Amino acid sequence: MGKKVLIAGESWMTTSTHVKGVDEFTVHSYVEGVGPLKDALTSRGHDVVHMPAHLVPTQFPGTAEALAEFDVVVLSDIGANSIQLAPGVFDRFQPGEDRLAALRDWVAAGGALMMIGGYLSFSGFQARGAFRQTALADALPVTMLPEDDRVETPAGMVPQVDDPSHAALGGAGTEWPGLLGYNRVVAKDGTAVPATINGDPLVVAGEYGTGRSVVFTSDCSPHWAPPEFCEQWAGYTDLFDGLITWVAGE
């Protein structure tokens, strides 16, 4: 049975300056990286709602009632600040909802949380992902590093599947394409680590209260997940369908 899935993040805006002789002009563009993941999940019957990064500060759900509209919440390459600093708090200096605490409590009460790696996931680039000291850290099945946690593997690093029968892997098999990087984390006691990369956790699954949480510490799209992984590998859909289905409690 398909799940209703909220994916927050996986978009960005780019500003580039073109210098042509003595003239210059600036070009702005908007890019989404959610495509491979969204396509994979919808192909398996899941109802996917994508909340782009620029809408997260104003629209991310901050109450149990709002979160209850979804079966699974996925955070992918979106930093803690974007979730915590709503305009009322950051611009108007008014107390507001602690949305990461609300998300933690929702998981404890039976919700389902997934975090996917990226430059603004876990601790992230220059530790700007900044989830380590938030309330949500309690609900994740991993302990985050206090520093920049990225491990770049530009030559490609093939994951090691240690427990191919674990339901969270969705029957994706043992032959996975290489990845170009990931966030280094430490699995908490009592969690399952069915797949690793470079000796570090790649997939970690655990329980929190009556809910579940799971992480995939590399990316779901380029650059860490090259086309060979996120577009050409048949196991990609199996893997992410398995992660969503497992964390939702099935």
C-alpha atoms as a PDB file:
ATOM      1  CA  MET A   1       0.000   0.000   0.000  1.00  0.00           C
ATOM      2  CA  GLY A   2       1.395   3.379  -0.996  1.00  0.00           C
ATOM      3  CA  LYS A   3       2.329   5.960   1.624  1.00  0.00           C
ATOM      4  CA  LYS A   4       1.893   9.714   1.678  1.00  0.00           C
ATOM      5  CA  VAL A   5       5.428  11.066   1.778  1.00  0.00           C
ATOM      6  CA  LEU A   6       6.621  14.615   2.422  1.00  0.00           C
ATOM      7  CA  ILE A   7      10.067  15.333   0.959  1.00  0.00           C
ATOM      8  CA  ALA A   8      11.505  18.600   2.266  1.00  0.00           C
ATOM      9  CA  GLY A   9      14.560  20.011   0.507  1.00  0.00           C
ATOM     10  CA  GLU A  10      16.269  18.788  -2.673  1.00  0.00           C
ATOM     11  CA  SER A  11      16.158  22.154  -4.435  1.00  0.00           C
ATOM     12  CA  TRP A  12      18.419  25.171  -4.696  1.00  0.00           C
ATOM     13  CA  MET A  13      18.888  28.498  -6.422  1.00  0.00           C
ATOM     14  CA  THR A  14      22.057  29.409  -8.288  1.00  0.00           C
ATOM     15  CA  THR A  15      23.448  32.842  -9.115  1.00  0.00           C
ATOM     16  CA  SER A  16      26.172  33.097 -11.753  1.00  0.00           C
ATOM     17  CA  THR A  17      27.992  36.132 -13.105  1.00  0.00           C
ATOM     18  CA  HIS A  18      28.966  36.122 -16.781  1.00  0.00           C
ATOM     19  CA  VAL A  19      31.898  38.387 -17.653  1.00  0.00           C
ATOM     20  CA  LYS A  20      32.340  39.076 -21.375  1.00  0.00           C
ATOM     21  CA  GLY A  21      35.109  41.539 -21.979  1.00  0.00           C
ATOM     22  CA  VAL A  22      34.149  44.758 -20.228  1.00  0.00           C
ATOM     23  CA  ASP A  23      30.538  43.680 -19.821  1.00  0.00           C
ATOM     24  CA  GLU A  24      28.986  41.455 -17.197  1.00  0.00           C
ATOM     25  CA  PHE A  25      25.533  40.213 -16.291  1.00  0.00           C
ATOM     26  CA  THR A  26      24.076  37.996 -13.607  1.00  0.00           C
ATOM     27  CA  VAL A  27      21.859  34.988 -14.205  1.00  0.00           C
ATOM     28  CA  HIS A  28      19.721  33.250 -11.595  1.00  0.00           C
ATOM     29  CA  SER A  29      18.361  29.720 -11.885  1.00  0.00           C
ATOM     30  CA  TYR A  30      16.223  27.355  -9.838  1.00  0.00           C
ATOM     31  CA  VAL A  31      17.091  23.650  -9.768  1.00  0.00           C
ATOM     32  CA  GLU A  32      15.389  20.615  -8.250  1.00  0.00           C
ATOM     33  CA  GLY A  33      17.256  17.414  -7.404  1.00  0.00           C
ATOM     34  CA  VAL A  34      14.197  15.520  -6.215  1.00  0.00           C
ATOM     35  CA  GLY A  35      13.364  13.998  -9.606  1.00  0.00           C
ATOM     36  CA  PRO A  36      14.952  10.540  -9.330  1.00  0.00           C
ATOM     37  CA  LEU A  37      13.594   9.972  -5.821  1.00  0.00           C
ATOM     38  CA  LYS A  38      10.125  11.290  -6.573  1.00  0.00           C
ATOM     39  CA  ASP A  39       9.875   9.244  -9.763  1.00  0.00           C
ATOM     40  CA  ALA A  40      11.036   6.095  -7.981  1.00  0.00           C
ATOM     41  CA  LEU A  41       8.521   6.451  -5.167  1.00  0.00           C
ATOM     42  CA  THR A  42       5.557   7.409  -7.327  1.00  0.00           C
ATOM     43  CA  SER A  43       6.261   4.404  -9.557  1.00  0.00           C
ATOM     44  CA  ARG A  44       5.618   2.218  -6.506  1.00  0.00           C
ATOM     45  CA  GLY A  45       2.328   3.883  -5.663  1.00  0.00           C
ATOM     46  CA  HIS A  46       3.470   6.399  -3.053  1.00  0.00           C
ATOM     47  CA  ASP A  47       1.868   9.846  -2.939  1.00  0.00           C
ATOM     48  CA  VAL A  48       4.813  12.250  -2.874  1.00  0.00           C
ATOM     49  CA  VAL A  49       4.557  15.896  -1.807  1.00  0.00           C
ATOM     50  CA  HIS A  50       7.713  17.891  -2.504  1.00  0.00           C
ATOM     51  CA  MET A  51       8.366  20.993  -0.398  1.00  0.00           C
ATOM     52  CA  PRO A  52      11.250  22.890  -2.055  1.00  0.00           C
ATOM     53  CA  ALA A  53      13.930  24.304   0.201  1.00  0.00           C
ATOM     54  CA  HIS A  54      12.858  27.933  -0.220  1.00  0.00           C
ATOM     55  CA  LEU A  55       9.369  27.100   1.062  1.00  0.00           C
ATOM     56  CA  VAL A  56      10.520  25.161   4.121  1.00  0.00           C
ATOM     57  CA  PRO A  57      10.916  28.206   6.431  1.00  0.00           C
ATOM     58  CA  THR A  58       7.296  29.240   5.856  1.00  0.00           C
ATOM     59  CA  GLN A  59       5.501  25.957   5.194  1.00  0.00           C
ATOM     60  CA  PHE A  60       7.144  23.085   7.076  1.00  0.00           C
ATOM     61  CA  PRO A  61       4.606  21.491   9.450  1.00  0.00           C
ATOM     62  CA  GLY A  62       5.114  22.444  13.068  1.00  0.00           C
ATOM     63  CA  THR A  63       2.421  20.527  14.935  1.00  0.00           C
ATOM     64  CA  ALA A  64       1.443  16.908  15.424  1.00  0.00           C
ATOM     65  CA  GLU A  65      -1.804  17.605  13.589  1.00  0.00           C
ATOM     66  CA  ALA A  66      -0.006  18.997  10.549  1.00  0.00           C
ATOM     67  CA  LEU A  67       2.532  16.182  10.505  1.00  0.00           C
ATOM     68  CA  ALA A  68      -0.265  13.620  10.770  1.00  0.00           C
ATOM     69  CA  GLU A  69      -1.204  14.415   7.169  1.00  0.00           C
ATOM     70  CA  PHE A  70       1.798  12.327   6.139  1.00  0.00           C
ATOM     71  CA  ASP A  71       2.906   8.757   6.723  1.00  0.00           C
ATOM     72  CA  VAL A  72       6.603   9.556   6.238  1.00  0.00           C
ATOM     73  CA  VAL A  73       8.637  12.776   6.445  1.00  0.00           C
ATOM     74  CA  VAL A  74      11.883  12.841   4.455  1.00  0.00           C
ATOM     75  CA  LEU A  75      14.549  15.499   5.035  1.00  0.00           C
ATOM     76  CA  SER A  76      17.021  15.652   2.166  1.00  0.00           C
ATOM     77  CA  ASP A  77      19.762  18.278   1.868  1.00  0.00           C
ATOM     78  CA  ILE A  78      17.889  20.860   3.934  1.00  0.00           C
ATOM     79  CA  GLY A  79      19.574  22.347   6.987  1.00  0.00           C
ATOM     80  CA  ALA A  80      18.166  22.626  10.484  1.00  0.00           C
ATOM     81  CA  ASN A  81      18.106  26.432  10.278  1.00  0.00           C
ATOM     82  CA  SER A  82      15.594  26.397   7.431  1.00  0.00           C
ATOM     83  CA  ILE A  83      13.199  24.360   9.557  1.00  0.00           C
ATOM     84  CA  GLN A  84      13.785  26.194  12.824  1.00  0.00           C
ATOM     85  CA  LEU A  85      13.947  29.819  11.674  1.00  0.00           C
ATOM     86  CA  ALA A  86      10.452  30.663  10.521  1.00  0.00           C
ATOM     87  CA  PRO A  87      10.028  34.304   9.430  1.00  0.00           C
ATOM     88  CA  GLY A  88       8.183  35.149  12.632  1.00  0.00           C
ATOM     89  CA  VAL A  89      11.173  34.026  14.682  1.00  0.00           C
ATOM     90  CA  PHE A  90      14.029  35.256  12.498  1.00  0.00           C
ATOM     91  CA  ASP A  91      12.539  38.462  11.060  1.00  0.00           C
ATOM     92  CA  ARG A  92      10.010  39.549  13.686  1.00  0.00           C
ATOM     93  CA  PHE A  93      11.723  38.131  16.802  1.00  0.00           C
ATOM     94  CA  GLN A  94       8.570  36.403  18.040  1.00  0.00           C
ATOM     95  CA  PRO A  95       8.565  33.008  19.778  1.00  0.00           C
ATOM     96  CA  GLY A  96       7.182  30.297  17.522  1.00  0.00           C
ATOM     97  CA  GLU A  97       7.017  26.555  17.072  1.00  0.00           C
ATOM     98  CA  ASP A  98      10.055  24.359  17.624  1.00  0.00           C
ATOM     99  CA  ARG A  99       9.376  22.378  14.495  1.00  0.00           C
ATOM    100  CA  LEU A 100      12.217  19.923  14.979  1.00  0.00           C
ATOM    101  CA  ALA A 101      10.985  19.146  18.491  1.00  0.00           C
ATOM    102  CA  ALA A 102       7.498  18.647  17.060  1.00  0.00           C
ATOM    103  CA  LEU A 103       8.924  16.290  14.441  1.00  0.00           C
ATOM    104  CA  ARG A 104      10.825  14.353  17.113  1.00  0.00           C
ATOM    105  CA  ASP A 105       7.716  13.994  19.248  1.00  0.00           C
ATOM    106  CA  TRP A 106       5.674  12.926  16.228  1.00  0.00           C
ATOM    107  CA  VAL A 107       8.156  10.136  15.526  1.00  0.00           C
ATOM    108  CA  ALA A 108       8.084   9.066  19.183  1.00  0.00           C
ATOM    109  CA  ALA A 109       4.296   8.818  18.943  1.00  0.00           C
ATOM    110  CA  GLY A 110       4.432   6.512  15.921  1.00  0.00           C
ATOM    111  CA  GLY A 111       5.603   8.665  13.022  1.00  0.00           C
ATOM    112  CA  ALA A 112       8.215   7.815  10.403  1.00  0.00           C
ATOM    113  CA  LEU A 113      11.314   9.884   9.626  1.00  0.00           C
ATOM    114  CA  MET A 114      13.971   9.508   6.965  1.00  0.00           C
ATOM    115  CA  MET A 115      17.076  11.642   6.455  1.00  0.00           C
ATOM    116  CA  ILE A 116      19.055  11.466   3.222  1.00  0.00           C
ATOM    117  CA  GLY A 117      22.624  12.715   3.038  1.00  0.00           C
ATOM    118  CA  GLY A 118      23.942  15.850   1.397  1.00  0.00           C
ATOM    119  CA  TYR A 119      25.860  19.035   2.048  1.00  0.00           C
ATOM    120  CA  LEU A 120      23.091  20.286   4.369  1.00  0.00           C
ATOM    121  CA  SER A 121      22.139  16.987   5.996  1.00  0.00           C
ATOM    122  CA  PHE A 122      23.306  15.639   9.369  1.00  0.00           C
ATOM    123  CA  SER A 123      26.213  17.954  10.325  1.00  0.00           C
ATOM    124  CA  GLY A 124      27.026  18.704   6.715  1.00  0.00           C
ATOM    125  CA  PHE A 125      29.351  21.122   4.943  1.00  0.00           C
ATOM    126  CA  GLN A 126      31.251  23.166   7.535  1.00  0.00           C
ATOM    127  CA  ALA A 127      28.731  21.719  10.033  1.00  0.00           C
ATOM    128  CA  ARG A 128      26.040  23.986   8.519  1.00  0.00           C
ATOM    129  CA  GLY A 129      23.501  21.181   8.341  1.00  0.00           C
ATOM    130  CA  ALA A 130      23.485  21.744  12.099  1.00  0.00           C
ATOM    131  CA  PHE A 131      21.183  18.922  13.197  1.00  0.00           C
ATOM    132  CA  ARG A 132      23.527  17.591  15.879  1.00  0.00           C
ATOM    133  CA  GLN A 133      22.405  19.957  18.645  1.00  0.00           C
ATOM    134  CA  THR A 134      18.711  19.994  17.772  1.00  0.00           C
ATOM    135  CA  ALA A 135      15.863  18.077  19.353  1.00  0.00           C
ATOM    136  CA  LEU A 136      15.633  15.928  16.230  1.00  0.00           C
ATOM    137  CA  ALA A 137      19.002  14.327  16.990  1.00  0.00           C
ATOM    138  CA  ASP A 138      17.237  12.187  19.599  1.00  0.00           C
ATOM    139  CA  ALA A 139      14.977  10.607  16.988  1.00  0.00           C
ATOM    140  CA  LEU A 140      17.642   9.780  14.408  1.00  0.00           C
ATOM    141  CA  PRO A 141      19.262   6.322  14.551  1.00  0.00           C
ATOM    142  CA  VAL A 142      22.749   7.833  14.313  1.00  0.00           C
ATOM    143  CA  THR A 143      25.037  10.116  16.286  1.00  0.00           C
ATOM    144  CA  MET A 144      26.353  13.038  14.253  1.00  0.00           C
ATOM    145  CA  LEU A 145      29.859  14.469  14.282  1.00  0.00           C
ATOM    146  CA  PRO A 146      30.549  17.953  15.689  1.00  0.00           C
ATOM    147  CA  GLU A 147      32.554  18.944  12.610  1.00  0.00           C
ATOM    148  CA  ASP A 148      32.125  18.888   8.836  1.00  0.00           C
ATOM    149  CA  ASP A 149      31.085  15.277   8.321  1.00  0.00           C
ATOM    150  CA  ARG A 150      31.397  14.976   4.547  1.00  0.00           C
ATOM    151  CA  VAL A 151      33.528  12.237   3.049  1.00  0.00           C
ATOM    152  CA  GLU A 152      34.193  12.917  -0.623  1.00  0.00           C
ATOM    153  CA  THR A 153      34.989   9.817  -2.676  1.00  0.00           C
ATOM    154  CA  PRO A 154      35.684  11.313  -6.118  1.00  0.00           C
ATOM    155  CA  ALA A 155      37.065   8.038  -7.497  1.00  0.00           C
ATOM    156  CA  GLY A 156      33.818   6.311  -6.526  1.00  0.00           C
ATOM    157  CA  MET A 157      33.213   4.020  -3.570  1.00  0.00           C
ATOM    158  CA  VAL A 158      31.107   0.869  -3.889  1.00  0.00           C
ATOM    159  CA  PRO A 159      28.802   0.199  -0.907  1.00  0.00           C
ATOM    160  CA  GLN A 160      29.023  -3.025   1.052  1.00  0.00           C
ATOM    161  CA  VAL A 161      25.684  -4.753   1.614  1.00  0.00           C
ATOM    162  CA  ASP A 162      26.027  -6.666   4.871  1.00  0.00           C
ATOM    163  CA  ASP A 163      22.408  -7.753   5.329  1.00  0.00           C
ATOM    164  CA  PRO A 164      20.677  -7.973   1.935  1.00  0.00           C
ATOM    165  CA  SER A 165      17.616  -9.549   3.551  1.00  0.00           C
ATOM    166  CA  HIS A 166      16.846  -6.498   5.699  1.00  0.00           C
ATOM    167  CA  ALA A 167      13.471  -5.135   4.634  1.00  0.00           C
ATOM    168  CA  ALA A 168      14.737  -1.545   4.526  1.00  0.00           C
ATOM    169  CA  LEU A 169      16.890  -2.403   1.496  1.00  0.00           C
ATOM    170  CA  GLY A 170      13.849  -3.450  -0.495  1.00  0.00           C
ATOM    171  CA  GLY A 171      15.521  -6.435  -2.103  1.00  0.00           C
ATOM    172  CA  ALA A 172      17.955  -4.210  -3.995  1.00  0.00           C
ATOM    173  CA  GLY A 173      20.558  -6.970  -4.046  1.00  0.00           C
ATOM    174  CA  THR A 174      24.238  -6.834  -3.218  1.00  0.00           C
ATOM    175  CA  GLU A 175      25.716  -5.277  -6.371  1.00  0.00           C
ATOM    176  CA  TRP A 176      25.349  -1.515  -6.018  1.00  0.00           C
ATOM    177  CA  PRO A 177      27.000   1.158  -8.169  1.00  0.00           C
ATOM    178  CA  GLY A 178      29.622   3.428  -6.664  1.00  0.00           C
ATOM    179  CA  LEU A 179      28.847   6.670  -4.842  1.00  0.00           C
ATOM    180  CA  LEU A 180      30.866   9.891  -4.871  1.00  0.00           C
ATOM    181  CA  GLY A 181      30.480  10.866  -1.229  1.00  0.00           C
ATOM    182  CA  TYR A 182      28.484  10.603   1.983  1.00  0.00           C
ATOM    183  CA  ASN A 183      28.054  12.012   5.479  1.00  0.00           C
ATOM    184  CA  ARG A 184      30.033  10.186   8.165  1.00  0.00           C
ATOM    185  CA  VAL A 185      27.899   9.230  11.177  1.00  0.00           C
ATOM    186  CA  VAL A 186      28.002   6.688  14.004  1.00  0.00           C
ATOM    187  CA  ALA A 187      25.173   4.181  14.350  1.00  0.00           C
ATOM    188  CA  LYS A 188      23.470   4.227  17.742  1.00  0.00           C
ATOM    189  CA  ASP A 189      23.300   1.104  19.868  1.00  0.00           C
ATOM    190  CA  GLY A 190      20.383  -1.148  19.033  1.00  0.00           C
ATOM    191  CA  THR A 191      20.063  -0.053  15.412  1.00  0.00           C
ATOM    192  CA  ALA A 192      20.496  -2.113  12.256  1.00  0.00           C
ATOM    193  CA  VAL A 193      23.210  -1.248   9.721  1.00  0.00           C
ATOM    194  CA  PRO A 194      22.435  -3.368   6.656  1.00  0.00           C
ATOM    195  CA  ALA A 195      24.718  -1.407   4.303  1.00  0.00           C
ATOM    196  CA  THR A 196      28.016   0.418   4.766  1.00  0.00           C
ATOM    197  CA  ILE A 197      30.398   2.486   2.657  1.00  0.00           C
ATOM    198  CA  ASN A 198      34.112   2.799   3.278  1.00  0.00           C
ATOM    199  CA  GLY A 199      33.519   1.116   6.639  1.00  0.00           C
ATOM    200  CA  ASP A 200      30.993   3.768   7.698  1.00  0.00           C
ATOM    201  CA  PRO A 201      27.200   3.416   7.965  1.00  0.00           C
ATOM    202  CA  LEU A 202      25.291   3.968   4.730  1.00  0.00           C
ATOM    203  CA  VAL A 203      21.863   2.686   5.773  1.00  0.00           C
ATOM    204  CA  VAL A 204      20.876   2.734   9.446  1.00  0.00           C
ATOM    205  CA  ALA A 205      17.423   1.752  10.678  1.00  0.00           C
ATOM    206  CA  GLY A 206      16.080   2.121  14.184  1.00  0.00           C
ATOM    207  CA  GLU A 207      13.099   2.720  16.423  1.00  0.00           C
ATOM    208  CA  TYR A 208      12.279   5.764  18.506  1.00  0.00           C
ATOM    209  CA  GLY A 209       9.377   5.539  20.902  1.00  0.00           C
ATOM    210  CA  THR A 210       6.635   3.833  18.929  1.00  0.00           C
ATOM    211  CA  GLY A 211       7.910   5.221  15.622  1.00  0.00           C
ATOM    212  CA  ARG A 212      10.804   4.509  13.311  1.00  0.00           C
ATOM    213  CA  SER A 213      13.631   6.423  11.677  1.00  0.00           C
ATOM    214  CA  VAL A 214      16.040   5.500   8.921  1.00  0.00           C
ATOM    215  CA  VAL A 215      18.945   7.222   7.203  1.00  0.00           C
ATOM    216  CA  PHE A 216      20.707   6.896   3.870  1.00  0.00           C
ATOM    217  CA  THR A 217      23.934   8.802   4.363  1.00  0.00           C
ATOM    218  CA  SER A 218      24.756   9.418   0.709  1.00  0.00           C
ATOM    219  CA  ASP A 219      22.557  11.374  -1.687  1.00  0.00           C
ATOM    220  CA  CYS A 220      19.497  10.435  -3.725  1.00  0.00           C
ATOM    221  CA  SER A 221      20.687  12.516  -6.714  1.00  0.00           C
ATOM    222  CA  PRO A 222      23.929  13.994  -8.105  1.00  0.00           C
ATOM    223  CA  HIS A 223      26.556  14.756  -7.346  1.00  0.00           C
ATOM    224  CA  TRP A 224      27.131  12.098  -4.658  1.00  0.00           C
ATOM    225  CA  ALA A 225      24.658   9.775  -6.376  1.00  0.00           C
ATOM    226  CA  PRO A 226      25.832   9.754 -10.013  1.00  0.00           C
ATOM    227  CA  PRO A 227      23.503   8.812 -12.882  1.00  0.00           C
ATOM    228  CA  GLU A 228      24.785   5.233 -12.732  1.00  0.00           C
ATOM    229  CA  PHE A 229      23.246   5.014  -9.262  1.00  0.00           C
ATOM    230  CA  CYS A 230      20.125   7.174  -9.382  1.00  0.00           C
ATOM    231  CA  GLU A 231      19.052   6.760 -13.019  1.00  0.00           C
ATOM    232  CA  GLN A 232      20.545   3.610 -14.522  1.00  0.00           C
ATOM    233  CA  TRP A 233      20.531   1.183 -11.603  1.00  0.00           C
ATOM    234  CA  ALA A 234      17.341  -0.874 -11.370  1.00  0.00           C
ATOM    235  CA  GLY A 235      17.912  -1.346  -7.644  1.00  0.00           C
ATOM    236  CA  TYR A 236      17.485   2.375  -6.923  1.00  0.00           C
ATOM    237  CA  THR A 237      13.693   2.127  -6.942  1.00  0.00           C
ATOM    238  CA  ASP A 238      13.756  -1.059  -4.867  1.00  0.00           C
ATOM    239  CA  LEU A 239      16.055   0.566  -2.308  1.00  0.00           C
ATOM    240  CA  PHE A 240      14.122   3.753  -1.710  1.00  0.00           C
ATOM    241  CA  ASP A 241      10.763   2.007  -1.819  1.00  0.00           C
ATOM    242  CA  GLY A 242      12.152  -0.373   0.790  1.00  0.00           C
ATOM    243  CA  LEU A 243      13.382   2.468   2.985  1.00  0.00           C
ATOM    244  CA  ILE A 244      10.015   4.235   2.860  1.00  0.00           C
ATOM    245  CA  THR A 245       7.990   1.074   3.383  1.00  0.00           C
ATOM    246  CA  TRP A 246      10.142  -0.104   6.298  1.00  0.00           C
ATOM    247  CA  VAL A 247      10.186   3.212   8.126  1.00  0.00           C
ATOM    248  CA  ALA A 248       6.410   3.474   7.738  1.00  0.00           C
ATOM    249  CA  GLY A 249       6.123   0.307   9.790  1.00  0.00           C
ATOM    250  CA  GLU A 250       5.553  -2.380   7.203  1.00  0.00           C
END
